[in-house]
PDB file of all heavy atoms in Angstrom:
ATOM      1  N   GLY A   1      84.799 101.523 164.819  1.00  0.00           N
ATOM      2  CA  GLY A   1      84.257 100.252 164.377  1.00  0.00           C
ATOM      3  C   GLY A   1      83.549 100.353 163.052  1.00  0.00           C
ATOM      4  O   GLY A   1      83.484 101.370 162.394  1.00  0.00           O
ATOM      5  N   GLY A   2      82.979  99.231 162.666  1.00  0.00           N
ATOM      6  CA  GLY A   2      82.169  99.196 161.470  1.00  0.00           C
ATOM      7  C   GLY A   2      82.906  98.938 160.206  1.00  0.00           C
ATOM      8  O   GLY A   2      82.340  99.018 159.126  1.00  0.00           O
ATOM      9  N   GLY A   3      84.215  98.616 160.287  1.00  0.00           N
ATOM     10  CA  GLY A   3      84.942  98.378 159.050  1.00  0.00           C
ATOM     11  C   GLY A   3      85.211  99.683 158.322  1.00  0.00           C
ATOM     12  O   GLY A   3      84.886 100.775 158.770  1.00  0.00           O
ATOM     13  N   LEU A   4      85.830  99.573 157.156  1.00  0.00           N
ATOM     14  CA  LEU A   4      86.181 100.773 156.414  1.00  0.00           C
ATOM     15  C   LEU A   4      84.947 101.473 155.871  1.00  0.00           C
ATOM     16  O   LEU A   4      84.923 102.672 155.712  1.00  0.00           O
ATOM     17  CB  LEU A   4      87.118 100.397 155.259  1.00  0.00           C
ATOM     18  CG  LEU A   4      87.869 101.563 154.616  1.00  0.00           C
ATOM     19  CD1 LEU A   4      88.697 102.277 155.662  1.00  0.00           C
ATOM     20  CD2 LEU A   4      88.770 101.057 153.506  1.00  0.00           C
ATOM     21  N   PHE A   5      83.898 100.713 155.569  1.00  0.00           N
ATOM     22  CA  PHE A   5      82.655 101.337 155.127  1.00  0.00           C
ATOM     23  C   PHE A   5      81.553 100.985 156.111  1.00  0.00           C
ATOM     24  O   PHE A   5      81.060  99.870 156.145  1.00  0.00           O
ATOM     25  CB  PHE A   5      82.274 100.883 153.717  1.00  0.00           C
ATOM     26  CG  PHE A   5      80.962 101.471 153.262  1.00  0.00           C
ATOM     27  CD1 PHE A   5      80.859 102.820 153.029  1.00  0.00           C
ATOM     28  CD2 PHE A   5      79.849 100.671 153.095  1.00  0.00           C
ATOM     29  CE1 PHE A   5      79.661 103.376 152.613  1.00  0.00           C
ATOM     30  CE2 PHE A   5      78.651 101.209 152.686  1.00  0.00           C
ATOM     31  CZ  PHE A   5      78.555 102.579 152.440  1.00  0.00           C
ATOM     32  N   ASP A   6      81.193 101.938 156.946  1.00  0.00           N
ATOM     33  CA  ASP A   6      80.153 101.757 157.939  1.00  0.00           C
ATOM     34  C   ASP A   6      78.923 102.530 157.482  1.00  0.00           C
ATOM     35  O   ASP A   6      78.965 103.765 157.376  1.00  0.00           O
ATOM     36  CB  ASP A   6      80.651 102.280 159.292  1.00  0.00           C
ATOM     37  CG  ASP A   6      79.632 102.079 160.396  1.00  0.00           C
ATOM     38  OD1 ASP A   6      78.553 101.534 160.106  1.00  0.00           O
ATOM     39  OD2 ASP A   6      79.921 102.468 161.542  1.00  0.00           O
ATOM     40  N   PRO A   7      77.790 101.863 157.188  1.00  0.00           N
ATOM     41  CA  PRO A   7      76.602 102.584 156.729  1.00  0.00           C
ATOM     42  C   PRO A   7      76.174 103.696 157.680  1.00  0.00           C
ATOM     43  O   PRO A   7      75.629 104.717 157.243  1.00  0.00           O
ATOM     44  CB  PRO A   7      75.543 101.469 156.652  1.00  0.00           C
ATOM     45  CG  PRO A   7      76.322 100.227 156.422  1.00  0.00           C
ATOM     46  CD  PRO A   7      77.594 100.410 157.201  1.00  0.00           C
ATOM     47  N   ARG A   8      76.434 103.507 158.983  1.00  0.00           N
ATOM     48  CA  ARG A   8      76.075 104.565 159.928  1.00  0.00           C
ATOM     49  C   ARG A   8      76.868 105.833 159.683  1.00  0.00           C
ATOM     50  O   ARG A   8      76.437 106.937 160.056  1.00  0.00           O
ATOM     51  CB  ARG A   8      76.310 104.077 161.355  1.00  0.00           C
ATOM     52  CG  ARG A   8      75.357 102.951 161.794  1.00  0.00           C
ATOM     53  CD  ARG A   8      75.743 102.406 163.138  1.00  0.00           C
ATOM     54  NE  ARG A   8      77.070 101.800 163.106  1.00  0.00           N
ATOM     55  CZ  ARG A   8      77.680 101.281 164.157  1.00  0.00           C
ATOM     56  NH1 ARG A   8      77.091 101.289 165.330  1.00  0.00           N
ATOM     57  NH2 ARG A   8      78.880 100.738 164.037  1.00  0.00           N
ATOM     58  N   GLN A   9      78.041 105.689 159.061  1.00  0.00           N
ATOM     59  CA  GLN A   9      78.860 106.854 158.768  1.00  0.00           C
ATOM     60  C   GLN A   9      78.180 107.760 157.752  1.00  0.00           C
ATOM     61  O   GLN A   9      78.424 108.963 157.706  1.00  0.00           O
ATOM     62  CB  GLN A   9      80.228 106.405 158.241  1.00  0.00           C
ATOM     63  CG  GLN A   9      81.242 107.528 158.077  1.00  0.00           C
ATOM     64  CD  GLN A   9      81.696 108.068 159.425  1.00  0.00           C
ATOM     65  OE1 GLN A   9      81.964 107.322 160.352  1.00  0.00           O
ATOM     66  NE2 GLN A   9      81.772 109.375 159.536  1.00  0.00           N
ATOM     67  N   LEU A  10      77.313 107.189 156.906  1.00  0.00           N
ATOM     68  CA  LEU A  10      76.572 108.000 155.938  1.00  0.00           C
ATOM     69  C   LEU A  10      75.749 109.067 156.642  1.00  0.00           C
ATOM     70  O   LEU A  10      75.747 110.232 156.248  1.00  0.00           O
ATOM     71  CB  LEU A  10      75.661 107.111 155.089  1.00  0.00           C
ATOM     72  CG  LEU A  10      76.329 106.195 154.068  1.00  0.00           C
ATOM     73  CD1 LEU A  10      75.315 105.234 153.482  1.00  0.00           C
ATOM     74  CD2 LEU A  10      76.977 107.017 152.962  1.00  0.00           C
ATOM     75  N   VAL A  11      75.050 108.654 157.709  1.00  0.00           N
ATOM     76  CA  VAL A  11      74.204 109.594 158.450  1.00  0.00           C
ATOM     77  C   VAL A  11      75.063 110.639 159.154  1.00  0.00           C
ATOM     78  O   VAL A  11      74.766 111.841 159.121  1.00  0.00           O
ATOM     79  CB  VAL A  11      73.327 108.835 159.460  1.00  0.00           C
ATOM     80  CG1 VAL A  11      72.483 109.810 160.279  1.00  0.00           C
ATOM     81  CG2 VAL A  11      72.439 107.833 158.735  1.00  0.00           C
ATOM     82  N   ARG A  12      76.169 110.177 159.775  1.00  0.00           N
ATOM     83  CA  ARG A  12      77.031 111.112 160.495  1.00  0.00           C
ATOM     84  C   ARG A  12      77.712 112.101 159.558  1.00  0.00           C
ATOM     85  O   ARG A  12      78.057 113.214 159.965  1.00  0.00           O
ATOM     86  CB  ARG A  12      78.080 110.336 161.290  1.00  0.00           C
ATOM     87  CG  ARG A  12      77.517 109.529 162.445  1.00  0.00           C
ATOM     88  CD  ARG A  12      78.619 109.057 163.382  1.00  0.00           C
ATOM     89  NE  ARG A  12      79.505 108.103 162.737  1.00  0.00           N
ATOM     90  CZ  ARG A  12      79.359 106.789 162.815  1.00  0.00           C
ATOM     91  NH1 ARG A  12      78.345 106.277 163.503  1.00  0.00           N
ATOM     92  NH2 ARG A  12      80.204 105.969 162.219  1.00  0.00           N
ATOM     93  N   SER A  13      77.926 111.692 158.315  1.00  0.00           N
ATOM     94  CA  SER A  13      78.659 112.544 157.366  1.00  0.00           C
ATOM     95  C   SER A  13      77.747 113.481 156.585  1.00  0.00           C
ATOM     96  O   SER A  13      78.239 114.341 155.847  1.00  0.00           O
ATOM     97  CB  SER A  13      79.445 111.669 156.384  1.00  0.00           C
ATOM     98  OG  SER A  13      80.351 110.835 157.056  1.00  0.00           O
ATOM     99  N   LEU A  14      76.434 113.312 156.716  1.00  0.00           N
ATOM    100  CA  LEU A  14      75.507 114.120 155.919  1.00  0.00           C
ATOM    101  C   LEU A  14      75.678 115.618 156.150  1.00  0.00           C
ATOM    102  O   LEU A  14      75.698 116.396 155.184  1.00  0.00           O
ATOM    103  CB  LEU A  14      74.070 113.680 156.195  1.00  0.00           C
ATOM    104  CG  LEU A  14      73.000 114.232 155.245  1.00  0.00           C
ATOM    105  CD1 LEU A  14      73.332 113.865 153.801  1.00  0.00           C
ATOM    106  CD2 LEU A  14      71.624 113.699 155.627  1.00  0.00           C
ATOM    107  N   PRO A  15      75.803 116.110 157.407  1.00  0.00           N
ATOM    108  CA  PRO A  15      76.017 117.558 157.592  1.00  0.00           C
ATOM    109  C   PRO A  15      77.261 118.073 156.880  1.00  0.00           C
ATOM    110  O   PRO A  15      77.250 119.165 156.303  1.00  0.00           O
ATOM    111  CB  PRO A  15      76.128 117.698 159.113  1.00  0.00           C
ATOM    112  CG  PRO A  15      75.381 116.516 159.665  1.00  0.00           C
ATOM    113  CD  PRO A  15      75.655 115.407 158.707  1.00  0.00           C
ATOM    114  N   ASP A  16      78.346 117.284 156.913  1.00  0.00           N
ATOM    115  CA  ASP A  16      79.566 117.697 156.208  1.00  0.00           C
ATOM    116  C   ASP A  16      79.333 117.754 154.703  1.00  0.00           C
ATOM    117  O   ASP A  16      79.862 118.636 154.017  1.00  0.00           O
ATOM    118  CB  ASP A  16      80.711 116.726 156.508  1.00  0.00           C
ATOM    119  CG  ASP A  16      81.251 116.882 157.911  1.00  0.00           C
ATOM    120  OD1 ASP A  16      81.113 117.985 158.472  1.00  0.00           O
ATOM    121  OD2 ASP A  16      81.789 115.901 158.455  1.00  0.00           O
ATOM    122  N   ALA A  17      78.548 116.802 154.187  1.00  0.00           N
ATOM    123  CA  ALA A  17      78.255 116.790 152.750  1.00  0.00           C
ATOM    124  C   ALA A  17      77.489 118.044 152.345  1.00  0.00           C
ATOM    125  O   ALA A  17      77.738 118.620 151.275  1.00  0.00           O
ATOM    126  CB  ALA A  17      77.453 115.542 152.387  1.00  0.00           C
ATOM    127  N   VAL A  18      76.571 118.495 153.197  1.00  0.00           N
ATOM    128  CA  VAL A  18      75.801 119.711 152.895  1.00  0.00           C
ATOM    129  C   VAL A  18      76.722 120.933 152.937  1.00  0.00           C
ATOM    130  O   VAL A  18      76.636 121.824 152.077  1.00  0.00           O
ATOM    131  CB  VAL A  18      74.636 119.862 153.888  1.00  0.00           C
ATOM    132  CG1 VAL A  18      73.927 121.201 153.684  1.00  0.00           C
ATOM    133  CG2 VAL A  18      73.646 118.711 153.728  1.00  0.00           C
ATOM    134  N   ARG A  19      77.637 120.968 153.934  1.00  0.00           N
ATOM    135  CA  ARG A  19      78.558 122.108 154.026  1.00  0.00           C
ATOM    136  C   ARG A  19      79.482 122.191 152.817  1.00  0.00           C
ATOM    137  O   ARG A  19      79.926 123.279 152.434  1.00  0.00           O
ATOM    138  CB  ARG A  19      79.377 122.006 155.317  1.00  0.00           C
ATOM    139  CG  ARG A  19      78.616 122.425 156.563  1.00  0.00           C
ATOM    140  CD  ARG A  19      79.532 122.556 157.763  1.00  0.00           C
ATOM    141  NE  ARG A  19      79.976 121.257 158.246  1.00  0.00           N
ATOM    142  CZ  ARG A  19      79.338 120.556 159.174  1.00  0.00           C
ATOM    143  NH1 ARG A  19      78.218 121.027 159.704  1.00  0.00           N
ATOM    144  NH2 ARG A  19      79.812 119.395 159.579  1.00  0.00           N
ATOM    145  N   LYS A  20      79.779 121.058 152.217  1.00  0.00           N
ATOM    146  CA  LYS A  20      80.655 121.051 151.050  1.00  0.00           C
ATOM    147  C   LYS A  20      79.984 121.604 149.797  1.00  0.00           C
ATOM    148  O   LYS A  20      80.621 121.711 148.750  1.00  0.00           O
ATOM    149  CB  LYS A  20      81.150 119.623 150.775  1.00  0.00           C
ATOM    150  CG  LYS A  20      82.184 119.113 151.778  1.00  0.00           C
ATOM    151  CD  LYS A  20      82.572 117.681 151.471  1.00  0.00           C
ATOM    152  CE  LYS A  20      83.620 117.168 152.440  1.00  0.00           C
ATOM    153  NZ  LYS A  20      84.935 117.828 152.226  1.00  0.00           N
ATOM    154  N   LEU A  21      78.699 121.955 149.871  1.00  0.00           N
ATOM    155  CA  LEU A  21      78.027 122.575 148.718  1.00  0.00           C
ATOM    156  C   LEU A  21      78.511 123.997 148.475  1.00  0.00           C
ATOM    157  O   LEU A  21      78.145 124.609 147.469  1.00  0.00           O
ATOM    158  CB  LEU A  21      76.506 122.569 148.942  1.00  0.00           C
ATOM    159  CG  LEU A  21      75.829 121.193 148.931  1.00  0.00           C
ATOM    160  CD1 LEU A  21      74.365 121.323 149.300  1.00  0.00           C
ATOM    161  CD2 LEU A  21      75.975 120.534 147.561  1.00  0.00           C
ATOM    162  N   ASP A  22      79.324 124.504 149.382  1.00  0.00           N
ATOM    163  CA  ASP A  22      79.933 125.827 149.210  1.00  0.00           C
ATOM    164  C   ASP A  22      80.693 125.854 147.881  1.00  0.00           C
ATOM    165  O   ASP A  22      81.572 125.025 147.650  1.00  0.00           O
ATOM    166  CB  ASP A  22      80.897 126.091 150.371  1.00  0.00           C
ATOM    167  CG  ASP A  22      81.471 127.501 150.359  1.00  0.00           C
ATOM    168  OD1 ASP A  22      81.484 128.133 149.277  1.00  0.00           O
ATOM    169  OD2 ASP A  22      81.917 127.963 151.417  1.00  0.00           O
ATOM    170  N   PRO A  23      80.366 126.794 146.980  1.00  0.00           N
ATOM    171  CA  PRO A  23      81.052 126.850 145.670  1.00  0.00           C
ATOM    172  C   PRO A  23      82.565 126.931 145.785  1.00  0.00           C
ATOM    173  O   PRO A  23      83.283 126.445 144.918  1.00  0.00           O
ATOM    174  CB  PRO A  23      80.467 128.105 145.022  1.00  0.00           C
ATOM    175  CG  PRO A  23      79.134 128.283 145.677  1.00  0.00           C
ATOM    176  CD  PRO A  23      79.312 127.813 147.093  1.00  0.00           C
ATOM    177  N   ARG A  24      83.067 127.565 146.869  1.00  0.00           N
ATOM    178  CA  ARG A  24      84.523 127.675 147.045  1.00  0.00           C
ATOM    179  C   ARG A  24      85.160 126.301 147.276  1.00  0.00           C
ATOM    180  O   ARG A  24      86.346 126.109 146.995  1.00  0.00           O
ATOM    181  CB  ARG A  24      84.829 128.596 148.230  1.00  0.00           C
ATOM    182  CG  ARG A  24      84.459 130.053 147.987  1.00  0.00           C
ATOM    183  CD  ARG A  24      84.548 130.860 149.241  1.00  0.00           C
ATOM    184  NE  ARG A  24      83.584 130.388 150.248  1.00  0.00           N
ATOM    185  CZ  ARG A  24      83.424 130.960 151.450  1.00  0.00           C
ATOM    186  NH1 ARG A  24      84.168 132.011 151.781  1.00  0.00           N
ATOM    187  NH2 ARG A  24      82.534 130.489 152.297  1.00  0.00           N
ATOM    188  N   VAL A  25      84.373 125.373 147.796  1.00  0.00           N
ATOM    189  CA  VAL A  25      84.851 123.997 147.967  1.00  0.00           C
ATOM    190  C   VAL A  25      84.637 123.204 146.688  1.00  0.00           C
ATOM    191  O   VAL A  25      85.514 122.463 146.236  1.00  0.00           O
ATOM    192  CB  VAL A  25      84.127 123.322 149.153  1.00  0.00           C
ATOM    193  CG1 VAL A  25      84.557 121.867 149.283  1.00  0.00           C
ATOM    194  CG2 VAL A  25      84.394 124.076 150.447  1.00  0.00           C
ATOM    195  N   MET A  26      83.458 123.384 146.080  1.00  0.00           N
ATOM    196  CA  MET A  26      83.102 122.602 144.898  1.00  0.00           C
ATOM    197  C   MET A  26      83.998 122.901 143.703  1.00  0.00           C
ATOM    198  O   MET A  26      84.223 122.032 142.862  1.00  0.00           O
ATOM    199  CB  MET A  26      81.646 122.872 144.515  1.00  0.00           C
ATOM    200  CG  MET A  26      80.624 122.423 145.541  1.00  0.00           C
ATOM    201  SD  MET A  26      80.631 120.635 145.793  1.00  0.00           S
ATOM    202  CE  MET A  26      80.267 120.056 144.144  1.00  0.00           C
ATOM    203  N   VAL A  27      84.522 124.124 143.617  1.00  0.00           N
ATOM    204  CA  VAL A  27      85.315 124.499 142.444  1.00  0.00           C
ATOM    205  C   VAL A  27      86.599 123.675 142.348  1.00  0.00           C
ATOM    206  O   VAL A  27      87.218 123.592 141.275  1.00  0.00           O
ATOM    207  CB  VAL A  27      85.637 126.004 142.487  1.00  0.00           C
ATOM    208  CG1 VAL A  27      86.731 126.313 143.509  1.00  0.00           C
ATOM    209  CG2 VAL A  27      86.026 126.523 141.097  1.00  0.00           C
ATOM    210  N   LYS A  28      87.011 123.033 143.458  1.00  0.00           N
ATOM    211  CA  LYS A  28      88.211 122.199 143.430  1.00  0.00           C
ATOM    212  C   LYS A  28      88.003 120.939 142.601  1.00  0.00           C
ATOM    213  O   LYS A  28      88.964 120.298 142.202  1.00  0.00           O
ATOM    214  CB  LYS A  28      88.621 121.824 144.859  1.00  0.00           C
ATOM    215  CG  LYS A  28      89.009 123.029 145.715  1.00  0.00           C
ATOM    216  CD  LYS A  28      89.336 122.602 147.141  1.00  0.00           C
ATOM    217  CE  LYS A  28      89.667 123.819 148.003  1.00  0.00           C
ATOM    218  NZ  LYS A  28      89.934 123.433 149.406  1.00  0.00           N
ATOM    219  N   SER A  29      86.735 120.584 142.365  1.00  0.00           N
ATOM    220  CA  SER A  29      86.406 119.453 141.498  1.00  0.00           C
ATOM    221  C   SER A  29      85.625 119.989 140.305  1.00  0.00           C
ATOM    222  O   SER A  29      84.408 120.210 140.407  1.00  0.00           O
ATOM    223  CB  SER A  29      85.577 118.411 142.257  1.00  0.00           C
ATOM    224  OG  SER A  29      85.155 117.385 141.385  1.00  0.00           O
ATOM    225  N   PRO A  30      86.295 120.246 139.179  1.00  0.00           N
ATOM    226  CA  PRO A  30      85.630 120.897 138.041  1.00  0.00           C
ATOM    227  C   PRO A  30      84.369 120.182 137.574  1.00  0.00           C
ATOM    228  O   PRO A  30      83.376 120.829 137.242  1.00  0.00           O
ATOM    229  CB  PRO A  30      86.713 120.891 136.952  1.00  0.00           C
ATOM    230  CG  PRO A  30      88.008 120.785 137.688  1.00  0.00           C
ATOM    231  CD  PRO A  30      87.715 119.968 138.895  1.00  0.00           C
ATOM    232  N   VAL A  31      84.390 118.861 137.555  1.00  0.00           N
ATOM    233  CA  VAL A  31      83.232 118.107 137.070  1.00  0.00           C
ATOM    234  C   VAL A  31      82.023 118.368 137.960  1.00  0.00           C
ATOM    235  O   VAL A  31      80.928 118.707 137.487  1.00  0.00           O
ATOM    236  CB  VAL A  31      83.546 116.600 137.017  1.00  0.00           C
ATOM    237  CG1 VAL A  31      82.298 115.813 136.622  1.00  0.00           C
ATOM    238  CG2 VAL A  31      84.672 116.325 136.032  1.00  0.00           C
ATOM    239  N   MET A  32      82.205 118.223 139.266  1.00  0.00           N
ATOM    240  CA  MET A  32      81.081 118.393 140.173  1.00  0.00           C
ATOM    241  C   MET A  32      80.683 119.857 140.313  1.00  0.00           C
ATOM    242  O   MET A  32      79.527 120.168 140.619  1.00  0.00           O
ATOM    243  CB  MET A  32      81.408 117.798 141.549  1.00  0.00           C
ATOM    244  CG  MET A  32      81.691 116.299 141.523  1.00  0.00           C
ATOM    245  SD  MET A  32      80.532 115.332 140.500  1.00  0.00           S
ATOM    246  CE  MET A  32      78.977 115.678 141.296  1.00  0.00           C
ATOM    247  N   PHE A  33      81.605 120.778 140.056  1.00  0.00           N
ATOM    248  CA  PHE A  33      81.248 122.202 140.066  1.00  0.00           C
ATOM    249  C   PHE A  33      80.283 122.510 138.920  1.00  0.00           C
ATOM    250  O   PHE A  33      79.337 123.290 139.074  1.00  0.00           O
ATOM    251  CB  PHE A  33      82.507 123.058 139.946  1.00  0.00           C
ATOM    252  CG  PHE A  33      82.226 124.544 139.977  1.00  0.00           C
ATOM    253  CD1 PHE A  33      81.820 125.162 141.149  1.00  0.00           C
ATOM    254  CD2 PHE A  33      82.361 125.314 138.826  1.00  0.00           C
ATOM    255  CE1 PHE A  33      81.557 126.524 141.177  1.00  0.00           C
ATOM    256  CE2 PHE A  33      82.100 126.665 138.850  1.00  0.00           C
ATOM    257  CZ  PHE A  33      81.697 127.281 140.026  1.00  0.00           C
ATOM    258  N   VAL A  34      80.514 121.877 137.763  1.00  0.00           N
ATOM    259  CA  VAL A  34      79.598 122.050 136.636  1.00  0.00           C
ATOM    260  C   VAL A  34      78.214 121.514 136.996  1.00  0.00           C
ATOM    261  O   VAL A  34      77.186 122.129 136.678  1.00  0.00           O
ATOM    262  CB  VAL A  34      80.151 121.346 135.380  1.00  0.00           C
ATOM    263  CG1 VAL A  34      79.089 121.277 134.283  1.00  0.00           C
ATOM    264  CG2 VAL A  34      81.382 122.064 134.868  1.00  0.00           C
ATOM    265  N   VAL A  35      78.169 120.369 137.693  1.00  0.00           N
ATOM    266  CA  VAL A  35      76.884 119.812 138.111  1.00  0.00           C
ATOM    267  C   VAL A  35      76.194 120.755 139.098  1.00  0.00           C
ATOM    268  O   VAL A  35      74.969 120.947 139.045  1.00  0.00           O
ATOM    269  CB  VAL A  35      77.074 118.415 138.736  1.00  0.00           C
ATOM    270  CG1 VAL A  35      75.724 117.819 139.156  1.00  0.00           C
ATOM    271  CG2 VAL A  35      77.768 117.478 137.759  1.00  0.00           C
ATOM    272  N   LEU A  36      76.967 121.364 140.004  1.00  0.00           N
ATOM    273  CA  LEU A  36      76.395 122.318 140.957  1.00  0.00           C
ATOM    274  C   LEU A  36      75.790 123.516 140.234  1.00  0.00           C
ATOM    275  O   LEU A  36      74.662 123.935 140.538  1.00  0.00           O
ATOM    276  CB  LEU A  36      77.476 122.781 141.944  1.00  0.00           C
ATOM    277  CG  LEU A  36      77.044 123.857 142.945  1.00  0.00           C
ATOM    278  CD1 LEU A  36      76.000 123.313 143.910  1.00  0.00           C
ATOM    279  CD2 LEU A  36      78.247 124.404 143.713  1.00  0.00           C
ATOM    280  N   VAL A  37      76.523 124.061 139.267  1.00  0.00           N
ATOM    281  CA  VAL A  37      76.001 125.204 138.496  1.00  0.00           C
ATOM    282  C   VAL A  37      74.740 124.783 137.744  1.00  0.00           C
ATOM    283  O   VAL A  37      73.741 125.528 137.695  1.00  0.00           O
ATOM    284  CB  VAL A  37      77.074 125.731 137.523  1.00  0.00           C
ATOM    285  CG1 VAL A  37      76.479 126.782 136.594  1.00  0.00           C
ATOM    286  CG2 VAL A  37      78.261 126.303 138.297  1.00  0.00           C
TER     287      VAL A  37
END
């Protein structure tokens, strides 16, 4: 439920967002990898 954009999904997705800080994942997006560095 909640349509394509459900604000509650933000909270549920937060742990995944933190796990994606892994440099091996971030390097797939050069722009955001530079921001991480």
